[in-house]
Amino acid sequence: MMTLEKLNLQQAYPEYYKATTKPKIVNLEPYNYITISGVCAPEDQKFISSVEEIYGLAYHIKFISKANDLDFVVPKMEGFWWVTGELPFEDTPRQDWHWKIMFRMPDFVGKTEFDLALNQLIAAGKATNEHDYVFEEIHEGLSAQVLHIGSYDQEAETLEKLYEFIEREGYQIAGYHHEIYLSDPRKTAKEKLKTILRYAIR
């Protein structure tokens, strides 16, 4: 019997999941994601439970796909962060931060698998209808990115380098602050955390 190879998106799409401490421009295709959104501080229980639930959803979709001989490695968690008021992000109270936590999905995962997995988790009491789960296509297109090494709370210097690069190259930011969490904060010292910081540009 032929064994199908497990898809690893990080290996299949290195341009998406790799960055260096030197800012760079990349051009991204449209991709499908499972997402969950909210407004609160990242230390709030709502955010923590949202992350736990979408992790569970990502793995349940994986198990459903694997049962259909389409296995994949659950990719790294990502997030969009933004604010809607007059204040800049760093001056906005943390409880007013908007966020969208997401996992990129392989091309063979669609809305059908998403709905099946979510309904099964809700029926089992492992997910709730209170959260805003969405299966959606996101297309950032032309983007600038840089690798940040260190605590999430100490991104300012790295971001300043990215902002200066974007301006120097003649572009403007045209999207939300995007983070790709390459390290597991539960297993990695804060000073060693690796995070891709990315913005769509025009």
N, C-alpha and C. Protein backbone atom coordinates (compact mmCIF):
# COMPACT_ATOMS: atom_id res chain seq x y z
N MET A 1 0.84 -1.19 0.00
CA MET A 1 0.00 0.00 0.00
C MET A 1 0.88 1.25 0.00
N MET A 2 0.54 2.22 -0.84
CA MET A 2 1.32 3.44 -0.93
C MET A 2 0.99 4.37 0.25
N THR A 3 2.03 4.91 0.88
CA THR A 3 1.85 5.86 1.98
C THR A 3 2.07 7.27 1.46
N LEU A 4 1.05 8.11 1.63
CA LEU A 4 1.16 9.48 1.16
C LEU A 4 2.01 10.28 2.14
N GLU A 5 2.84 11.16 1.59
CA GLU A 5 3.72 11.97 2.42
C GLU A 5 2.92 13.05 3.15
N LYS A 6 3.27 13.29 4.41
CA LYS A 6 2.61 14.33 5.19
C LYS A 6 3.09 15.71 4.71
N LEU A 7 2.14 16.60 4.42
CA LEU A 7 2.50 17.93 3.93
C LEU A 7 2.97 18.81 5.08
N ASN A 8 4.14 19.40 4.91
CA ASN A 8 4.66 20.36 5.87
C ASN A 8 4.73 21.72 5.17
N LEU A 9 3.83 22.62 5.52
CA LEU A 9 3.76 23.92 4.84
C LEU A 9 5.03 24.74 5.03
N GLN A 10 5.69 24.58 6.18
CA GLN A 10 6.92 25.34 6.42
C GLN A 10 8.02 24.94 5.45
N GLN A 11 8.06 23.66 5.12
CA GLN A 11 9.06 23.20 4.16
C GLN A 11 8.63 23.47 2.72
N ALA A 12 7.33 23.38 2.47
CA ALA A 12 6.82 23.57 1.11
C ALA A 12 6.80 25.05 0.69
N TYR A 13 6.68 25.95 1.67
CA TYR A 13 6.60 27.39 1.38
C TYR A 13 7.61 28.16 2.22
N PRO A 14 8.90 27.97 1.98
CA PRO A 14 9.92 28.63 2.81
C PRO A 14 9.84 30.15 2.74
N GLU A 15 9.37 30.69 1.59
CA GLU A 15 9.31 32.15 1.46
C GLU A 15 8.27 32.74 2.42
N TYR A 16 7.34 31.92 2.87
CA TYR A 16 6.29 32.39 3.78
C TYR A 16 6.72 32.31 5.24
N TYR A 17 7.48 31.27 5.56
CA TYR A 17 7.80 30.99 6.97
C TYR A 17 9.25 31.29 7.35
N LYS A 18 10.01 31.89 6.44
CA LYS A 18 11.40 32.21 6.77
C LYS A 18 11.65 33.70 6.63
N ALA A 19 12.40 34.25 7.58
CA ALA A 19 12.79 35.65 7.55
C ALA A 19 14.13 35.79 8.25
N THR A 20 14.81 36.90 8.01
CA THR A 20 16.08 37.17 8.68
C THR A 20 15.96 38.50 9.43
N THR A 21 16.97 38.82 10.21
CA THR A 21 16.95 40.08 10.96
C THR A 21 17.17 41.29 10.05
N LYS A 22 17.44 41.03 8.78
CA LYS A 22 17.51 42.10 7.78
C LYS A 22 16.17 42.18 7.06
N PRO A 23 15.48 43.33 7.08
CA PRO A 23 14.16 43.43 6.44
C PRO A 23 14.21 43.06 4.96
N LYS A 24 13.10 42.51 4.49
CA LYS A 24 13.03 42.04 3.11
C LYS A 24 11.61 42.20 2.60
N ILE A 25 11.47 42.37 1.28
CA ILE A 25 10.16 42.43 0.64
C ILE A 25 9.83 41.07 0.04
N VAL A 26 8.62 40.59 0.27
CA VAL A 26 8.14 39.33 -0.29
C VAL A 26 6.80 39.58 -0.97
N ASN A 27 6.44 38.69 -1.89
CA ASN A 27 5.16 38.81 -2.58
C ASN A 27 4.37 37.53 -2.32
N LEU A 28 3.26 37.65 -1.61
CA LEU A 28 2.51 36.49 -1.12
C LEU A 28 1.24 36.25 -1.93
N GLU A 29 0.96 34.98 -2.17
CA GLU A 29 -0.27 34.57 -2.86
C GLU A 29 -1.44 34.58 -1.87
N PRO A 30 -2.67 34.46 -2.36
CA PRO A 30 -3.81 34.28 -1.45
C PRO A 30 -3.72 32.90 -0.79
N TYR A 31 -4.01 32.82 0.50
CA TYR A 31 -3.98 31.55 1.23
C TYR A 31 -5.23 31.43 2.09
N ASN A 32 -5.61 30.20 2.39
CA ASN A 32 -6.76 29.95 3.26
C ASN A 32 -6.30 29.78 4.71
N TYR A 33 -7.13 30.32 5.62
CA TYR A 33 -6.81 30.27 7.04
C TYR A 33 -8.07 29.92 7.84
N ILE A 34 -7.85 29.32 9.01
CA ILE A 34 -8.90 29.31 10.02
C ILE A 34 -8.54 30.42 11.00
N THR A 35 -9.53 31.23 11.38
CA THR A 35 -9.25 32.39 12.21
C THR A 35 -10.25 32.50 13.36
N ILE A 36 -9.83 33.22 14.38
CA ILE A 36 -10.70 33.55 15.51
C ILE A 36 -10.33 34.96 15.94
N SER A 37 -11.33 35.81 16.16
CA SER A 37 -11.07 37.23 16.39
C SER A 37 -11.66 37.70 17.71
N GLY A 38 -11.11 38.81 18.21
CA GLY A 38 -11.64 39.38 19.44
C GLY A 38 -10.97 40.70 19.77
N VAL A 39 -11.38 41.27 20.90
CA VAL A 39 -10.81 42.53 21.40
C VAL A 39 -10.55 42.36 22.89
N CYS A 40 -9.27 42.33 23.27
CA CYS A 40 -8.90 42.24 24.68
C CYS A 40 -7.37 42.21 24.77
N ALA A 41 -6.86 42.27 25.97
CA ALA A 41 -5.42 42.15 26.19
C ALA A 41 -5.00 40.70 25.98
N PRO A 42 -3.76 40.47 25.53
CA PRO A 42 -3.31 39.09 25.30
C PRO A 42 -3.22 38.26 26.57
N GLU A 43 -3.19 38.91 27.74
CA GLU A 43 -3.17 38.15 28.99
C GLU A 43 -4.58 37.86 29.51
N ASP A 44 -5.60 38.39 28.81
CA ASP A 44 -6.99 38.17 29.21
C ASP A 44 -7.39 36.71 28.98
N GLN A 45 -8.26 36.19 29.84
CA GLN A 45 -8.68 34.79 29.72
C GLN A 45 -9.40 34.52 28.40
N LYS A 46 -10.10 35.53 27.88
CA LYS A 46 -10.77 35.37 26.59
C LYS A 46 -9.77 35.06 25.48
N PHE A 47 -8.65 35.78 25.48
CA PHE A 47 -7.62 35.54 24.47
C PHE A 47 -6.99 34.17 24.67
N ILE A 48 -6.67 33.83 25.90
CA ILE A 48 -6.02 32.54 26.19
C ILE A 48 -6.91 31.38 25.76
N SER A 49 -8.20 31.46 26.09
CA SER A 49 -9.11 30.38 25.72
C SER A 49 -9.32 30.32 24.21
N SER A 50 -9.29 31.49 23.56
CA SER A 50 -9.43 31.52 22.09
C SER A 50 -8.26 30.80 21.42
N VAL A 51 -7.06 31.05 21.92
CA VAL A 51 -5.87 30.39 21.37
C VAL A 51 -5.96 28.88 21.58
N GLU A 52 -6.36 28.46 22.77
CA GLU A 52 -6.49 27.03 23.06
C GLU A 52 -7.50 26.37 22.13
N GLU A 53 -8.64 27.06 21.92
CA GLU A 53 -9.70 26.47 21.10
C GLU A 53 -9.31 26.39 19.62
N ILE A 54 -8.64 27.43 19.09
CA ILE A 54 -8.30 27.37 17.67
C ILE A 54 -7.16 26.37 17.42
N TYR A 55 -6.30 26.19 18.42
CA TYR A 55 -5.31 25.11 18.34
C TYR A 55 -6.03 23.78 18.20
N GLY A 56 -7.03 23.58 19.07
CA GLY A 56 -7.80 22.33 19.02
C GLY A 56 -8.50 22.14 17.69
N LEU A 57 -9.03 23.23 17.13
CA LEU A 57 -9.69 23.15 15.83
C LEU A 57 -8.71 22.78 14.73
N ALA A 58 -7.53 23.40 14.75
CA ALA A 58 -6.51 23.10 13.74
C ALA A 58 -6.13 21.62 13.76
N TYR A 59 -5.95 21.07 14.96
CA TYR A 59 -5.57 19.66 15.07
C TYR A 59 -6.72 18.73 14.71
N HIS A 60 -7.95 19.16 14.99
CA HIS A 60 -9.09 18.30 14.63
C HIS A 60 -9.26 18.26 13.11
N ILE A 61 -9.04 19.40 12.44
CA ILE A 61 -9.06 19.41 10.98
C ILE A 61 -7.98 18.49 10.43
N LYS A 62 -6.82 18.52 11.06
CA LYS A 62 -5.72 17.63 10.64
C LYS A 62 -6.14 16.17 10.75
N PHE A 63 -6.77 15.79 11.86
CA PHE A 63 -7.18 14.40 12.06
C PHE A 63 -8.23 13.98 11.04
N ILE A 64 -9.16 14.87 10.72
CA ILE A 64 -10.17 14.57 9.70
C ILE A 64 -9.50 14.38 8.34
N SER A 65 -8.56 15.25 8.01
CA SER A 65 -7.85 15.14 6.73
C SER A 65 -7.01 13.87 6.67
N LYS A 66 -6.36 13.54 7.80
CA LYS A 66 -5.54 12.33 7.84
C LYS A 66 -6.38 11.09 7.60
N ALA A 67 -7.60 11.08 8.11
CA ALA A 67 -8.50 9.94 7.90
C ALA A 67 -8.86 9.78 6.43
N ASN A 68 -8.71 10.87 5.67
CA ASN A 68 -8.96 10.84 4.22
C ASN A 68 -7.66 10.78 3.42
N ASP A 69 -6.58 10.33 4.10
CA ASP A 69 -5.26 10.16 3.47
C ASP A 69 -4.67 11.47 2.98
N LEU A 70 -5.00 12.57 3.66
CA LEU A 70 -4.43 13.88 3.33
C LEU A 70 -3.89 14.50 4.62
N ASP A 71 -2.76 14.00 5.07
CA ASP A 71 -2.21 14.43 6.35
C ASP A 71 -1.33 15.67 6.16
N PHE A 72 -1.25 16.48 7.21
CA PHE A 72 -0.38 17.66 7.18
C PHE A 72 0.09 18.00 8.58
N VAL A 73 1.22 18.68 8.64
CA VAL A 73 1.74 19.18 9.91
C VAL A 73 1.02 20.50 10.22
N VAL A 74 0.43 20.60 11.41
CA VAL A 74 -0.22 21.86 11.78
C VAL A 74 0.84 22.96 11.79
N PRO A 75 0.65 24.01 10.99
CA PRO A 75 1.68 25.04 10.88
C PRO A 75 1.74 25.97 12.09
N LYS A 76 2.64 26.93 12.06
CA LYS A 76 2.83 27.86 13.16
C LYS A 76 1.62 28.79 13.29
N MET A 77 1.31 29.14 14.52
CA MET A 77 0.24 30.09 14.78
C MET A 77 0.65 31.48 14.31
N GLU A 78 -0.34 32.25 13.86
CA GLU A 78 -0.10 33.62 13.40
C GLU A 78 -1.13 34.55 14.01
N GLY A 79 -0.89 35.84 13.90
CA GLY A 79 -1.87 36.79 14.41
C GLY A 79 -1.77 38.15 13.74
N PHE A 80 -2.93 38.76 13.51
CA PHE A 80 -3.01 40.17 13.13
C PHE A 80 -3.36 40.96 14.40
N TRP A 81 -2.75 42.14 14.55
CA TRP A 81 -3.01 43.02 15.69
C TRP A 81 -3.25 44.43 15.18
N TRP A 82 -4.28 45.12 15.73
CA TRP A 82 -4.54 46.49 15.31
C TRP A 82 -5.42 47.21 16.34
N VAL A 83 -5.51 48.52 16.19
CA VAL A 83 -6.39 49.33 17.03
C VAL A 83 -7.26 50.20 16.13
N THR A 84 -8.38 50.69 16.68
CA THR A 84 -9.32 51.46 15.85
C THR A 84 -9.49 52.90 16.31
N GLY A 85 -8.90 53.26 17.45
CA GLY A 85 -9.08 54.61 17.96
C GLY A 85 -8.07 55.60 17.39
N GLU A 86 -8.01 56.76 18.01
CA GLU A 86 -7.12 57.83 17.57
C GLU A 86 -5.68 57.58 17.99
N LEU A 87 -5.51 56.84 19.10
CA LEU A 87 -4.17 56.63 19.64
C LEU A 87 -3.39 55.62 18.82
N PRO A 88 -2.05 55.77 18.76
CA PRO A 88 -1.24 54.71 18.13
C PRO A 88 -1.30 53.44 18.97
N PHE A 89 -0.91 52.35 18.34
CA PHE A 89 -1.03 51.04 18.99
C PHE A 89 -0.38 51.02 20.37
N GLU A 90 0.86 51.52 20.46
CA GLU A 90 1.61 51.41 21.70
C GLU A 90 1.02 52.25 22.84
N ASP A 91 0.16 53.22 22.50
CA ASP A 91 -0.47 54.06 23.53
C ASP A 91 -1.90 53.65 23.82
N THR A 92 -2.42 52.69 23.07
CA THR A 92 -3.79 52.22 23.27
C THR A 92 -3.84 51.22 24.43
N PRO A 93 -4.79 51.36 25.36
CA PRO A 93 -4.90 50.38 26.45
C PRO A 93 -5.00 48.96 25.90
N ARG A 94 -4.30 48.05 26.55
CA ARG A 94 -4.22 46.68 26.05
C ARG A 94 -5.59 46.02 25.91
N GLN A 95 -6.53 46.40 26.76
CA GLN A 95 -7.86 45.79 26.68
C GLN A 95 -8.62 46.20 25.41
N ASP A 96 -8.10 47.23 24.72
CA ASP A 96 -8.73 47.69 23.48
C ASP A 96 -8.01 47.19 22.23
N TRP A 97 -7.06 46.30 22.39
CA TRP A 97 -6.35 45.74 21.23
C TRP A 97 -7.26 44.77 20.47
N HIS A 98 -7.31 44.93 19.17
CA HIS A 98 -8.01 43.99 18.30
C HIS A 98 -7.02 42.93 17.82
N TRP A 99 -7.48 41.69 17.70
CA TRP A 99 -6.60 40.62 17.25
C TRP A 99 -7.37 39.59 16.42
N LYS A 100 -6.64 38.95 15.57
CA LYS A 100 -7.16 37.81 14.80
C LYS A 100 -6.07 36.74 14.82
N ILE A 101 -6.32 35.66 15.54
CA ILE A 101 -5.38 34.54 15.62
C ILE A 101 -5.75 33.55 14.52
N MET A 102 -4.73 33.00 13.85
CA MET A 102 -5.04 32.17 12.68
C MET A 102 -3.98 31.10 12.42
N PHE A 103 -4.43 30.09 11.69
CA PHE A 103 -3.54 29.03 11.19
C PHE A 103 -3.79 28.90 9.68
N ARG A 104 -2.71 28.93 8.93
CA ARG A 104 -2.84 28.70 7.48
C ARG A 104 -3.19 27.23 7.25
N MET A 105 -4.03 26.99 6.25
CA MET A 105 -4.48 25.64 5.93
C MET A 105 -3.97 25.20 4.55
N PRO A 106 -3.73 23.90 4.37
CA PRO A 106 -3.34 23.40 3.04
C PRO A 106 -4.47 23.61 2.03
N ASP A 107 -4.13 23.55 0.76
CA ASP A 107 -5.13 23.75 -0.29
C ASP A 107 -6.23 22.70 -0.26
N PHE A 108 -5.93 21.51 0.26
CA PHE A 108 -6.95 20.45 0.25
C PHE A 108 -7.94 20.56 1.42
N VAL A 109 -7.74 21.52 2.30
CA VAL A 109 -8.70 21.77 3.37
C VAL A 109 -9.61 22.92 2.95
N GLY A 110 -10.92 22.68 3.01
CA GLY A 110 -11.88 23.70 2.62
C GLY A 110 -12.90 23.96 3.70
N LYS A 111 -13.94 24.72 3.34
CA LYS A 111 -14.99 25.07 4.29
C LYS A 111 -15.72 23.83 4.81
N THR A 112 -15.81 22.80 3.98
CA THR A 112 -16.50 21.57 4.41
C THR A 112 -15.79 20.93 5.59
N GLU A 113 -14.47 20.79 5.49
CA GLU A 113 -13.68 20.20 6.59
C GLU A 113 -13.72 21.10 7.83
N PHE A 114 -13.66 22.40 7.59
CA PHE A 114 -13.73 23.36 8.70
C PHE A 114 -15.05 23.21 9.46
N ASP A 115 -16.17 23.21 8.74
CA ASP A 115 -17.48 23.11 9.37
C ASP A 115 -17.64 21.78 10.11
N LEU A 116 -17.18 20.71 9.49
CA LEU A 116 -17.29 19.38 10.12
C LEU A 116 -16.51 19.34 11.42
N ALA A 117 -15.27 19.81 11.39
CA ALA A 117 -14.42 19.79 12.59
C ALA A 117 -15.00 20.67 13.69
N LEU A 118 -15.45 21.87 13.34
CA LEU A 118 -15.99 22.79 14.34
C LEU A 118 -17.26 22.24 14.97
N ASN A 119 -18.16 21.70 14.15
CA ASN A 119 -19.40 21.15 14.69
C ASN A 119 -19.14 19.95 15.60
N GLN A 120 -18.17 19.14 15.25
CA GLN A 120 -17.83 17.99 16.11
C GLN A 120 -17.27 18.46 17.45
N LEU A 121 -16.43 19.49 17.44
CA LEU A 121 -15.86 20.01 18.68
C LEU A 121 -16.92 20.67 19.55
N ILE A 122 -17.85 21.39 18.93
CA ILE A 122 -18.94 22.02 19.70
C ILE A 122 -19.82 20.94 20.33
N ALA A 123 -20.12 19.89 19.55
CA ALA A 123 -20.95 18.79 20.07
C ALA A 123 -20.27 18.07 21.23
N ALA A 124 -18.94 18.03 21.19
CA ALA A 124 -18.17 17.36 22.25
C ALA A 124 -17.88 18.29 23.43
N GLY A 125 -18.33 19.54 23.34
CA GLY A 125 -18.08 20.49 24.42
C GLY A 125 -16.66 21.01 24.46
N LYS A 126 -15.93 20.87 23.34
CA LYS A 126 -14.53 21.31 23.30
C LYS A 126 -14.36 22.64 22.56
N ALA A 127 -15.47 23.20 22.11
CA ALA A 127 -15.47 24.53 21.49
C ALA A 127 -16.83 25.14 21.75
N THR A 128 -16.92 26.44 21.65
CA THR A 128 -18.19 27.12 21.93
C THR A 128 -18.60 27.98 20.73
N ASN A 129 -19.88 28.34 20.73
CA ASN A 129 -20.38 29.24 19.69
C ASN A 129 -20.10 30.69 20.01
N GLU A 130 -19.52 30.94 21.19
CA GLU A 130 -19.27 32.31 21.62
C GLU A 130 -18.15 32.97 20.81
N HIS A 131 -17.26 32.17 20.27
CA HIS A 131 -16.12 32.73 19.54
C HIS A 131 -16.44 32.88 18.06
N ASP A 132 -15.77 33.82 17.45
CA ASP A 132 -16.00 34.15 16.05
C ASP A 132 -15.02 33.37 15.17
N TYR A 133 -15.35 32.10 14.90
CA TYR A 133 -14.50 31.28 14.03
C TYR A 133 -14.85 31.55 12.57
N VAL A 134 -13.82 31.64 11.72
CA VAL A 134 -14.06 31.88 10.29
C VAL A 134 -13.05 31.07 9.49
N PHE A 135 -13.50 30.53 8.36
CA PHE A 135 -12.60 29.97 7.35
C PHE A 135 -12.55 31.00 6.24
N GLU A 136 -11.38 31.58 5.99
CA GLU A 136 -11.32 32.70 5.06
C GLU A 136 -10.03 32.71 4.25
N GLU A 137 -10.13 33.35 3.09
CA GLU A 137 -8.95 33.59 2.26
C GLU A 137 -8.40 34.97 2.59
N ILE A 138 -7.08 35.05 2.79
CA ILE A 138 -6.42 36.32 3.06
C ILE A 138 -5.30 36.48 2.04
N HIS A 139 -5.27 37.66 1.42
CA HIS A 139 -4.24 37.92 0.41
C HIS A 139 -3.51 39.21 0.78
N GLU A 140 -2.33 39.09 1.35
CA GLU A 140 -1.55 40.27 1.71
C GLU A 140 -0.74 40.82 0.53
N GLY A 141 -0.40 39.94 -0.41
CA GLY A 141 0.34 40.41 -1.58
C GLY A 141 1.73 40.90 -1.23
N LEU A 142 2.10 42.04 -1.78
CA LEU A 142 3.42 42.62 -1.53
C LEU A 142 3.54 43.00 -0.06
N SER A 143 4.59 42.48 0.60
CA SER A 143 4.73 42.68 2.04
C SER A 143 6.20 42.87 2.41
N ALA A 144 6.42 43.53 3.54
CA ALA A 144 7.76 43.67 4.10
C ALA A 144 7.81 42.94 5.43
N GLN A 145 8.91 42.26 5.68
CA GLN A 145 9.00 41.46 6.90
C GLN A 145 10.40 41.47 7.47
N VAL A 146 10.48 41.10 8.75
CA VAL A 146 11.77 41.00 9.44
C VAL A 146 11.62 39.99 10.56
N LEU A 147 12.72 39.37 10.96
CA LEU A 147 12.70 38.42 12.06
C LEU A 147 13.02 39.15 13.36
N HIS A 148 12.16 39.00 14.35
CA HIS A 148 12.41 39.54 15.68
C HIS A 148 12.83 38.41 16.60
N ILE A 149 13.91 38.59 17.33
CA ILE A 149 14.37 37.61 18.31
C ILE A 149 14.27 38.25 19.69
N GLY A 150 13.44 37.66 20.55
CA GLY A 150 13.26 38.21 21.88
C GLY A 150 11.81 38.25 22.29
N SER A 151 11.54 38.91 23.39
CA SER A 151 10.20 38.99 23.95
C SER A 151 9.24 39.73 23.02
N TYR A 152 7.97 39.35 23.07
CA TYR A 152 6.95 40.06 22.29
C TYR A 152 6.85 41.52 22.72
N ASP A 153 7.12 41.79 23.99
CA ASP A 153 7.01 43.14 24.52
C ASP A 153 8.19 44.03 24.14
N GLN A 154 9.19 43.45 23.47
CA GLN A 154 10.37 44.21 23.10
C GLN A 154 10.57 44.26 21.59
N GLU A 155 9.46 44.36 20.87
CA GLU A 155 9.51 44.39 19.41
C GLU A 155 9.80 45.78 18.85
N ALA A 156 9.73 46.81 19.70
CA ALA A 156 9.79 48.20 19.21
C ALA A 156 11.01 48.48 18.34
N GLU A 157 12.19 48.05 18.78
CA GLU A 157 13.42 48.34 18.02
C GLU A 157 13.41 47.63 16.67
N THR A 158 12.95 46.38 16.67
CA THR A 158 12.87 45.63 15.41
C THR A 158 11.85 46.26 14.47
N LEU A 159 10.73 46.69 15.03
CA LEU A 159 9.70 47.32 14.21
C LEU A 159 10.19 48.64 13.62
N GLU A 160 10.93 49.38 14.39
CA GLU A 160 11.47 50.65 13.90
C GLU A 160 12.37 50.41 12.68
N LYS A 161 13.16 49.36 12.75
CA LYS A 161 14.02 48.99 11.63
C LYS A 161 13.18 48.63 10.40
N LEU A 162 12.06 47.93 10.63
CA LEU A 162 11.17 47.56 9.53
C LEU A 162 10.48 48.79 8.95
N TYR A 163 10.01 49.69 9.80
CA TYR A 163 9.36 50.92 9.33
C TYR A 163 10.31 51.75 8.46
N GLU A 164 11.55 51.88 8.93
CA GLU A 164 12.55 52.67 8.19
C GLU A 164 12.83 52.04 6.83
N PHE A 165 12.88 50.71 6.80
CA PHE A 165 13.11 49.98 5.54
C PHE A 165 11.97 50.23 4.56
N ILE A 166 10.74 50.13 5.05
CA ILE A 166 9.57 50.34 4.19
C ILE A 166 9.58 51.73 3.59
N GLU A 167 9.87 52.74 4.41
CA GLU A 167 9.91 54.13 3.93
C GLU A 167 11.05 54.34 2.95
N ARG A 168 12.21 53.77 3.27
CA ARG A 168 13.39 53.93 2.42
C ARG A 168 13.19 53.31 1.04
N GLU A 169 12.41 52.22 1.00
CA GLU A 169 12.16 51.55 -0.28
C GLU A 169 11.02 52.21 -1.06
N GLY A 170 10.41 53.26 -0.47
CA GLY A 170 9.38 54.00 -1.19
C GLY A 170 7.98 53.43 -1.05
N TYR A 171 7.73 52.68 0.00
CA TYR A 171 6.41 52.06 0.22
C TYR A 171 5.72 52.65 1.44
N GLN A 172 4.44 52.32 1.56
CA GLN A 172 3.65 52.65 2.74
C GLN A 172 3.01 51.38 3.29
N ILE A 173 2.78 51.34 4.59
CA ILE A 173 2.09 50.20 5.20
C ILE A 173 0.64 50.20 4.74
N ALA A 174 0.16 49.03 4.32
CA ALA A 174 -1.19 48.91 3.77
C ALA A 174 -1.96 47.76 4.41
N GLY A 175 -1.52 47.32 5.58
CA GLY A 175 -2.21 46.21 6.23
C GLY A 175 -1.94 46.21 7.72
N TYR A 176 -2.50 45.24 8.41
CA TYR A 176 -2.35 45.12 9.85
C TYR A 176 -0.96 44.57 10.23
N HIS A 177 -0.59 44.83 11.46
CA HIS A 177 0.61 44.24 12.05
C HIS A 177 0.41 42.72 12.11
N HIS A 178 1.30 41.98 11.45
CA HIS A 178 1.16 40.52 11.30
C HIS A 178 2.34 39.84 11.98
N GLU A 179 2.06 38.90 12.85
CA GLU A 179 3.10 38.14 13.53
C GLU A 179 2.95 36.65 13.23
N ILE A 180 4.08 35.99 12.96
CA ILE A 180 4.10 34.53 12.81
C ILE A 180 5.01 34.00 13.91
N TYR A 181 4.43 33.16 14.77
CA TYR A 181 5.13 32.72 15.98
C TYR A 181 5.91 31.43 15.69
N LEU A 182 7.19 31.59 15.38
CA LEU A 182 8.02 30.44 15.02
C LEU A 182 8.41 29.62 16.26
N SER A 183 8.36 30.24 17.44
CA SER A 183 8.75 29.56 18.68
C SER A 183 7.52 29.33 19.56
N ASP A 184 7.56 28.27 20.34
CA ASP A 184 6.52 27.99 21.32
C ASP A 184 6.89 28.69 22.62
N PRO A 185 6.13 29.73 23.04
CA PRO A 185 6.49 30.47 24.26
C PRO A 185 6.45 29.63 25.53
N ARG A 186 5.76 28.48 25.46
CA ARG A 186 5.71 27.60 26.63
C ARG A 186 7.01 26.82 26.81
N LYS A 187 7.81 26.74 25.73
CA LYS A 187 9.02 25.92 25.77
C LYS A 187 10.29 26.71 25.48
N THR A 188 10.15 28.01 25.21
CA THR A 188 11.29 28.82 24.78
C THR A 188 11.47 30.00 25.71
N ALA A 189 12.72 30.27 26.09
CA ALA A 189 13.01 31.45 26.91
C ALA A 189 12.64 32.71 26.14
N LYS A 190 12.16 33.74 26.84
CA LYS A 190 11.69 34.96 26.18
C LYS A 190 12.74 35.57 25.26
N GLU A 191 13.99 35.55 25.72
CA GLU A 191 15.04 36.20 24.92
C GLU A 191 15.38 35.41 23.66
N LYS A 192 14.87 34.18 23.54
CA LYS A 192 15.17 33.34 22.37
C LYS A 192 13.96 33.16 21.45
N LEU A 193 12.84 33.78 21.78
CA LEU A 193 11.65 33.66 20.95
C LEU A 193 11.92 34.23 19.55
N LYS A 194 11.44 33.53 18.53
CA LYS A 194 11.59 33.99 17.15
C LYS A 194 10.20 34.26 16.55
N THR A 195 10.03 35.48 16.06
CA THR A 195 8.74 35.91 15.52
C THR A 195 8.97 36.67 14.22
N ILE A 196 8.26 36.29 13.17
CA ILE A 196 8.29 37.07 11.94
C ILE A 196 7.31 38.23 12.08
N LEU A 197 7.78 39.44 11.84
CA LEU A 197 6.93 40.64 11.85
C LEU A 197 6.73 41.07 10.40
N ARG A 198 5.48 41.22 10.00
CA ARG A 198 5.19 41.45 8.57
C ARG A 198 4.08 42.49 8.41
N TYR A 199 4.19 43.29 7.35
CA TYR A 199 3.13 44.24 6.97
C TYR A 199 2.92 44.16 5.46
N ALA A 200 1.66 44.16 5.05
CA ALA A 200 1.37 44.38 3.64
C ALA A 200 1.74 45.82 3.31
N ILE A 201 2.28 46.04 2.11
CA ILE A 201 2.73 47.38 1.72
C ILE A 201 2.21 47.73 0.33
N ARG A 202 2.27 49.03 0.01
CA ARG A 202 1.89 49.46 -1.34
C ARG A 202 2.78 50.63 -1.76
